[in-house]
Amino acid sequence: MAEPVVATYSIVACDLEARQWGVAVQSKFLAVGSVVPAAEPEVGAIATQAYANPRYGPDGLALLREGLSAEEAVERLTSADEGRAERQLGIVDANGGSASWTGPDCSDWAGGRTGPGYAAQGNILVGEETVAALARTFEETGHLPLVQRLLECLVAAQAAGGDRRGQQSASLLVVERDGGYAGLSDILVDLRVDDHERPIEELRRIYGLHQRLFGASPREDWLPLEGELRAEVDERLERLGHDSLLNWAGVANLEERVDGDDAIDPVVLDALREAS
């Protein structure tokens, strides 16, 4: 039998207003993001863990795509699986319906909790307070974007006790139709920490980098490129060997934050100053 994705807690969730679906997970397991999460915009999100069945991801999304609810998909997947007693599964569907399965042979503490738009579950935990923290934090952070809500859920779950065996890896996946890179990808965020002493902290750090490169400052916060600022920017670009802001931004992976040459995103300006 394959090694179990042990000591894992996860939350699958959606933001129907933003049309986003996602999964956040932490585990005492190498590269948990390669096994547990699956999500498709306008379809749903899935987490498979414990003695994980990796086919629950693609097969579950196929069922949701056919119009089955989260509960129906969980029932269909587990009833057809002889190993279901050792599986754990969480699903959120296109309408925000949720369901969680914990097989009777999953190692204690194991269990799940569901609510509108989310399913939280975990196994080999210090106690049910870890899953309770996932659920409570999601319910209390409705004012935040889904990505940040899921990160806060992981932080709260770890603070509540987390895994009985400790920490190793974490993953954050959020999808939105055409919401990813250059508006040509459905992957809004797909970040993984495969092996780290404090994977959630590292995941939060990497998300900060992601926001710096691919986020967007409100246009009203941009600074006009004129006068002394124009001269400063041109001087710094020349010092770095670039003839335009867009050219330099492409090298710095900040091209998604550049739009024209008459104003500059403050994040880009800070990065240019640091670089030169």
Protein backbone atom coordinates (compact mmCIF):
# COMPACT_ATOMS: atom_id res chain seq x y z
CA MET A 1 0.00 0.00 0.00
CA ALA A 2 1.23 3.50 -0.82
CA GLU A 3 2.44 5.80 1.92
CA PRO A 4 -0.50 7.79 3.28
CA VAL A 5 -0.74 11.54 2.98
CA VAL A 6 -0.62 11.60 6.75
CA ALA A 7 -1.20 14.23 9.37
CA THR A 8 -3.03 16.41 6.89
CA TYR A 9 -5.57 19.18 7.28
CA SER A 10 -7.22 20.98 4.41
CA ILE A 11 -10.06 23.26 3.43
CA VAL A 12 -11.83 23.40 0.08
CA ALA A 13 -13.89 26.52 -0.48
CA CYS A 14 -15.40 28.95 -2.92
CA ASP A 15 -16.33 32.61 -3.28
CA LEU A 16 -19.41 32.62 -5.47
CA GLU A 17 -19.44 36.39 -5.86
CA ALA A 18 -15.86 36.40 -7.15
CA ARG A 19 -16.44 33.09 -9.00
CA GLN A 20 -13.39 31.50 -7.39
CA TRP A 21 -12.78 27.99 -6.04
CA GLY A 22 -9.76 26.82 -4.08
CA VAL A 23 -7.94 24.43 -1.76
CA ALA A 24 -5.44 25.03 1.04
CA VAL A 25 -3.61 22.17 2.74
CA GLN A 26 -0.75 21.47 5.17
CA SER A 27 0.76 18.06 5.87
CA LYS A 28 3.64 16.10 7.36
CA PHE A 29 4.21 14.77 3.87
CA LEU A 30 6.60 15.72 1.09
CA ALA A 31 5.05 17.93 -1.63
CA VAL A 32 1.46 17.63 -0.45
CA GLY A 33 0.36 19.98 -3.23
CA SER A 34 1.15 17.29 -5.80
CA VAL A 35 -1.49 14.94 -4.35
CA VAL A 36 -4.27 16.61 -2.36
CA PRO A 37 -5.75 19.61 -4.26
CA ALA A 38 -7.81 19.78 -7.43
CA ALA A 39 -10.01 22.62 -8.67
CA GLU A 40 -11.73 23.86 -11.81
CA PRO A 41 -13.50 27.21 -12.22
CA GLU A 42 -17.29 27.05 -12.40
CA VAL A 43 -17.05 23.35 -11.42
CA GLY A 44 -15.67 22.97 -7.90
CA ALA A 45 -12.74 22.10 -5.66
CA ILE A 46 -11.58 18.81 -4.12
CA ALA A 47 -9.12 17.64 -1.46
CA THR A 48 -8.16 13.95 -1.20
CA GLN A 49 -6.05 12.82 1.76
CA ALA A 50 -5.32 10.21 4.49
CA TYR A 51 -4.58 7.10 2.36
CA ALA A 52 -5.29 9.44 -0.53
CA ASN A 53 -6.83 8.25 -3.75
CA PRO A 54 -5.33 10.66 -6.32
CA ARG A 55 -8.07 9.78 -8.81
CA TYR A 56 -10.64 11.44 -6.56
CA GLY A 57 -9.42 14.76 -7.97
CA PRO A 58 -9.96 14.32 -11.72
CA ASP A 59 -12.80 11.83 -11.31
CA GLY A 60 -14.58 14.06 -8.81
CA LEU A 61 -14.28 17.11 -11.04
CA ALA A 62 -15.72 15.06 -13.90
CA LEU A 63 -18.73 14.18 -11.76
CA LEU A 64 -19.22 17.81 -10.75
CA ARG A 65 -18.94 18.82 -14.39
CA GLU A 66 -21.82 16.46 -15.12
CA GLY A 67 -23.95 18.35 -12.60
CA LEU A 68 -23.66 16.18 -9.49
CA SER A 69 -23.67 18.01 -6.17
CA ALA A 70 -20.79 17.80 -3.71
CA GLU A 71 -22.68 15.26 -1.61
CA GLU A 72 -23.53 13.15 -4.66
CA ALA A 73 -19.94 13.24 -5.87
CA VAL A 74 -18.61 12.13 -2.47
CA GLU A 75 -21.12 9.29 -2.40
CA ARG A 76 -20.26 8.18 -5.94
CA LEU A 77 -16.51 8.28 -5.39
CA THR A 78 -16.42 6.54 -2.03
CA SER A 79 -19.03 3.88 -2.81
CA ALA A 80 -16.96 2.73 -5.79
CA ASP A 81 -13.70 2.63 -3.82
CA GLU A 82 -12.80 -0.47 -1.80
CA GLY A 83 -10.26 1.60 0.14
CA ARG A 84 -12.81 4.21 1.26
CA ALA A 85 -12.50 3.28 4.94
CA GLU A 86 -9.01 4.82 4.99
CA ARG A 87 -9.79 7.80 2.77
CA GLN A 88 -10.61 11.39 3.55
CA LEU A 89 -12.28 13.68 1.05
CA GLY A 90 -13.69 17.20 0.89
CA ILE A 91 -15.63 18.73 -1.99
CA VAL A 92 -17.24 22.08 -2.79
CA ASP A 93 -19.37 22.27 -5.92
CA ALA A 94 -20.23 25.02 -8.41
CA ASN A 95 -23.13 26.25 -6.27
CA GLY A 96 -21.22 26.33 -2.99
CA GLY A 97 -22.62 23.03 -1.77
CA SER A 98 -20.15 21.10 0.37
CA ALA A 99 -19.48 17.60 1.65
CA SER A 100 -16.73 15.87 3.61
CA TRP A 101 -15.95 12.17 4.06
CA THR A 102 -13.80 10.59 6.75
CA GLY A 103 -13.46 6.82 6.54
CA PRO A 104 -13.87 4.89 9.81
CA ASP A 105 -10.30 3.56 9.62
CA CYS A 106 -8.60 6.97 9.35
CA SER A 107 -6.13 7.55 12.18
CA ASP A 108 -7.31 9.69 15.12
CA TRP A 109 -8.01 12.46 15.43
CA ALA A 110 -9.83 12.49 12.12
CA GLY A 111 -12.98 14.27 11.03
CA GLY A 112 -14.48 17.11 9.06
CA ARG A 113 -16.84 20.04 9.19
CA THR A 114 -18.87 21.66 6.43
CA GLY A 115 -20.73 24.91 5.91
CA PRO A 116 -21.91 27.15 3.08
CA GLY A 117 -19.10 27.32 0.57
CA TYR A 118 -16.54 25.20 2.42
CA ALA A 119 -15.53 21.76 3.66
CA ALA A 120 -12.73 21.37 6.22
CA GLN A 121 -11.13 18.05 7.19
CA GLY A 122 -8.07 16.58 8.83
CA ASN A 123 -6.51 13.36 10.11
CA ILE A 124 -3.85 12.46 12.68
CA LEU A 125 -4.46 15.80 14.31
CA VAL A 126 -3.98 16.84 17.92
CA GLY A 127 -7.77 17.12 18.13
CA GLU A 128 -10.91 18.45 16.54
CA GLU A 129 -9.89 22.03 17.39
CA THR A 130 -7.70 22.10 14.26
CA VAL A 131 -10.65 21.51 11.94
CA ALA A 132 -12.82 23.80 14.06
CA ALA A 133 -10.25 26.56 13.53
CA LEU A 134 -10.35 26.04 9.77
CA ALA A 135 -14.13 26.34 9.73
CA ARG A 136 -14.38 29.24 12.17
CA THR A 137 -11.71 31.27 10.39
CA PHE A 138 -13.33 30.79 7.01
CA GLU A 139 -16.70 31.86 8.39
CA GLU A 140 -15.22 34.96 10.04
CA THR A 141 -13.16 36.24 7.10
CA GLY A 142 -15.82 36.81 4.46
CA HIS A 143 -14.52 40.34 3.89
CA LEU A 144 -11.22 39.01 2.50
CA PRO A 145 -10.44 37.62 -0.97
CA LEU A 146 -10.58 33.82 -1.12
CA VAL A 147 -6.80 33.41 -1.38
CA GLN A 148 -6.23 35.35 1.83
CA ARG A 149 -9.10 33.58 3.61
CA LEU A 150 -7.54 30.20 2.84
CA LEU A 151 -4.13 31.33 4.06
CA GLU A 152 -5.65 32.62 7.29
CA CYS A 153 -7.41 29.27 7.72
CA LEU A 154 -4.09 27.41 7.59
CA VAL A 155 -2.49 29.82 10.05
CA ALA A 156 -5.38 29.44 12.50
CA ALA A 157 -5.42 25.65 12.19
CA GLN A 158 -1.73 25.40 12.95
CA ALA A 159 -2.10 27.73 15.91
CA ALA A 160 -4.90 25.49 17.21
CA GLY A 161 -2.57 22.49 17.30
CA GLY A 162 -2.26 21.35 13.72
CA ASP A 163 -0.77 17.98 12.85
CA ARG A 164 0.16 15.51 15.54
CA ARG A 165 3.31 14.60 13.60
CA GLY A 166 4.37 18.14 12.77
CA GLN A 167 4.79 20.15 9.59
CA GLN A 168 6.51 19.64 6.25
CA SER A 169 4.65 20.97 3.22
CA ALA A 170 1.76 23.23 2.28
CA SER A 171 -0.14 24.25 -0.83
CA LEU A 172 -2.55 26.94 -1.97
CA LEU A 173 -4.58 26.60 -5.17
CA VAL A 174 -7.27 29.07 -6.31
CA VAL A 175 -8.89 29.10 -9.76
CA GLU A 176 -11.03 31.63 -11.60
CA ARG A 177 -12.10 31.61 -15.25
CA ASP A 178 -9.52 33.72 -17.12
CA GLY A 179 -8.34 35.10 -13.78
CA GLY A 180 -4.72 33.96 -14.07
CA TYR A 181 -1.62 35.15 -15.87
CA ALA A 182 -2.35 37.69 -18.63
CA GLY A 183 -6.03 36.75 -18.47
CA LEU A 184 -5.16 33.59 -20.41
CA SER A 185 -5.10 31.11 -17.53
CA ASP A 186 -7.71 29.88 -15.06
CA ILE A 187 -5.08 29.47 -12.31
CA LEU A 188 -5.24 32.55 -10.12
CA VAL A 189 -2.77 31.17 -7.55
CA ASP A 190 -0.92 27.85 -7.44
CA LEU A 191 1.78 28.00 -4.76
CA ARG A 192 3.54 25.09 -3.08
CA VAL A 193 6.07 24.62 -0.32
CA ASP A 194 7.34 21.06 -0.69
CA ASP A 195 9.71 20.66 2.28
CA HIS A 196 10.13 23.26 5.01
CA GLU A 197 10.26 23.44 8.80
CA ARG A 198 7.51 26.09 8.79
CA PRO A 199 5.68 25.57 5.49
CA ILE A 200 2.74 27.86 6.20
CA GLU A 201 5.00 30.80 7.01
CA GLU A 202 6.95 30.10 3.84
CA LEU A 203 3.73 29.83 1.84
CA ARG A 204 2.67 33.24 3.13
CA ARG A 205 6.08 34.69 2.14
CA ILE A 206 5.80 33.26 -1.37
CA TYR A 207 2.28 34.61 -1.69
CA GLY A 208 3.67 38.04 -0.86
CA LEU A 209 6.10 37.67 -3.78
CA HIS A 210 3.25 36.53 -6.00
CA GLN A 211 1.25 39.62 -5.13
CA ARG A 212 4.22 41.86 -5.80
CA LEU A 213 4.71 40.40 -9.27
CA PHE A 214 1.16 39.72 -10.37
CA GLY A 215 -1.05 41.88 -8.16
CA ALA A 216 -2.51 45.22 -9.21
CA SER A 217 -2.43 48.54 -7.40
CA PRO A 218 -5.57 50.70 -7.85
CA ARG A 219 -5.03 52.97 -10.82
CA GLU A 220 -5.70 56.03 -8.66
CA ASP A 221 -2.59 55.12 -6.64
CA TRP A 222 -0.30 55.22 -9.68
CA LEU A 223 2.15 58.13 -9.91
CA PRO A 224 2.35 60.39 -12.99
CA LEU A 225 5.63 59.93 -14.84
CA GLU A 226 6.55 63.56 -15.25
CA GLY A 227 9.03 66.12 -13.95
CA GLU A 228 11.50 64.93 -11.34
CA LEU A 229 10.00 61.44 -11.13
CA ARG A 230 10.30 61.00 -14.91
CA ALA A 231 13.93 62.06 -14.74
CA GLU A 232 14.62 59.69 -11.85
CA VAL A 233 13.02 56.73 -13.59
CA ASP A 234 14.89 57.38 -16.85
CA GLU A 235 18.19 57.72 -14.96
CA ARG A 236 17.66 54.47 -13.09
CA LEU A 237 16.68 52.61 -16.26
CA GLU A 238 19.80 53.89 -18.04
CA ARG A 239 21.93 52.80 -15.09
CA LEU A 240 20.46 49.31 -15.41
CA GLY A 241 20.99 49.25 -19.17
CA HIS A 242 17.35 49.44 -20.29
CA ASP A 243 15.77 51.88 -22.71
CA SER A 244 12.20 51.59 -21.43
CA LEU A 245 10.25 50.77 -18.30
CA LEU A 246 8.50 47.86 -20.02
CA ASN A 247 11.81 46.38 -21.13
CA TRP A 248 13.18 46.42 -17.58
CA ALA A 249 9.90 45.19 -16.11
CA GLY A 250 10.00 42.16 -18.40
CA VAL A 251 13.40 41.21 -17.01
CA ALA A 252 12.16 41.78 -13.44
CA ASN A 253 8.93 39.79 -14.08
CA LEU A 254 6.87 42.90 -13.35
CA GLU A 255 5.42 43.38 -16.83
CA GLU A 256 1.90 42.64 -15.56
CA ARG A 257 2.17 45.84 -13.47
CA VAL A 258 3.19 48.11 -16.36
CA ASP A 259 0.57 49.77 -18.53
CA GLY A 260 1.81 52.54 -20.78
CA ASP A 261 4.52 55.09 -20.08
CA ASP A 262 2.61 57.99 -18.55
CA ALA A 263 2.26 56.61 -14.99
CA ILE A 264 3.94 54.05 -12.78
CA ASP A 265 2.63 51.56 -10.23
CA PRO A 266 4.22 52.36 -6.82
CA VAL A 267 5.21 48.69 -6.47
CA VAL A 268 7.15 48.93 -9.73
CA LEU A 269 8.79 52.16 -8.64
CA ASP A 270 9.91 50.59 -5.35
CA ALA A 271 11.33 47.58 -7.21
CA LEU A 272 13.17 49.83 -9.67
CA ARG A 273 14.69 51.83 -6.83
CA GLU A 274 15.80 48.63 -5.07
CA ALA A 275 17.35 47.31 -8.27
CA SER A 276 19.28 50.48 -9.10
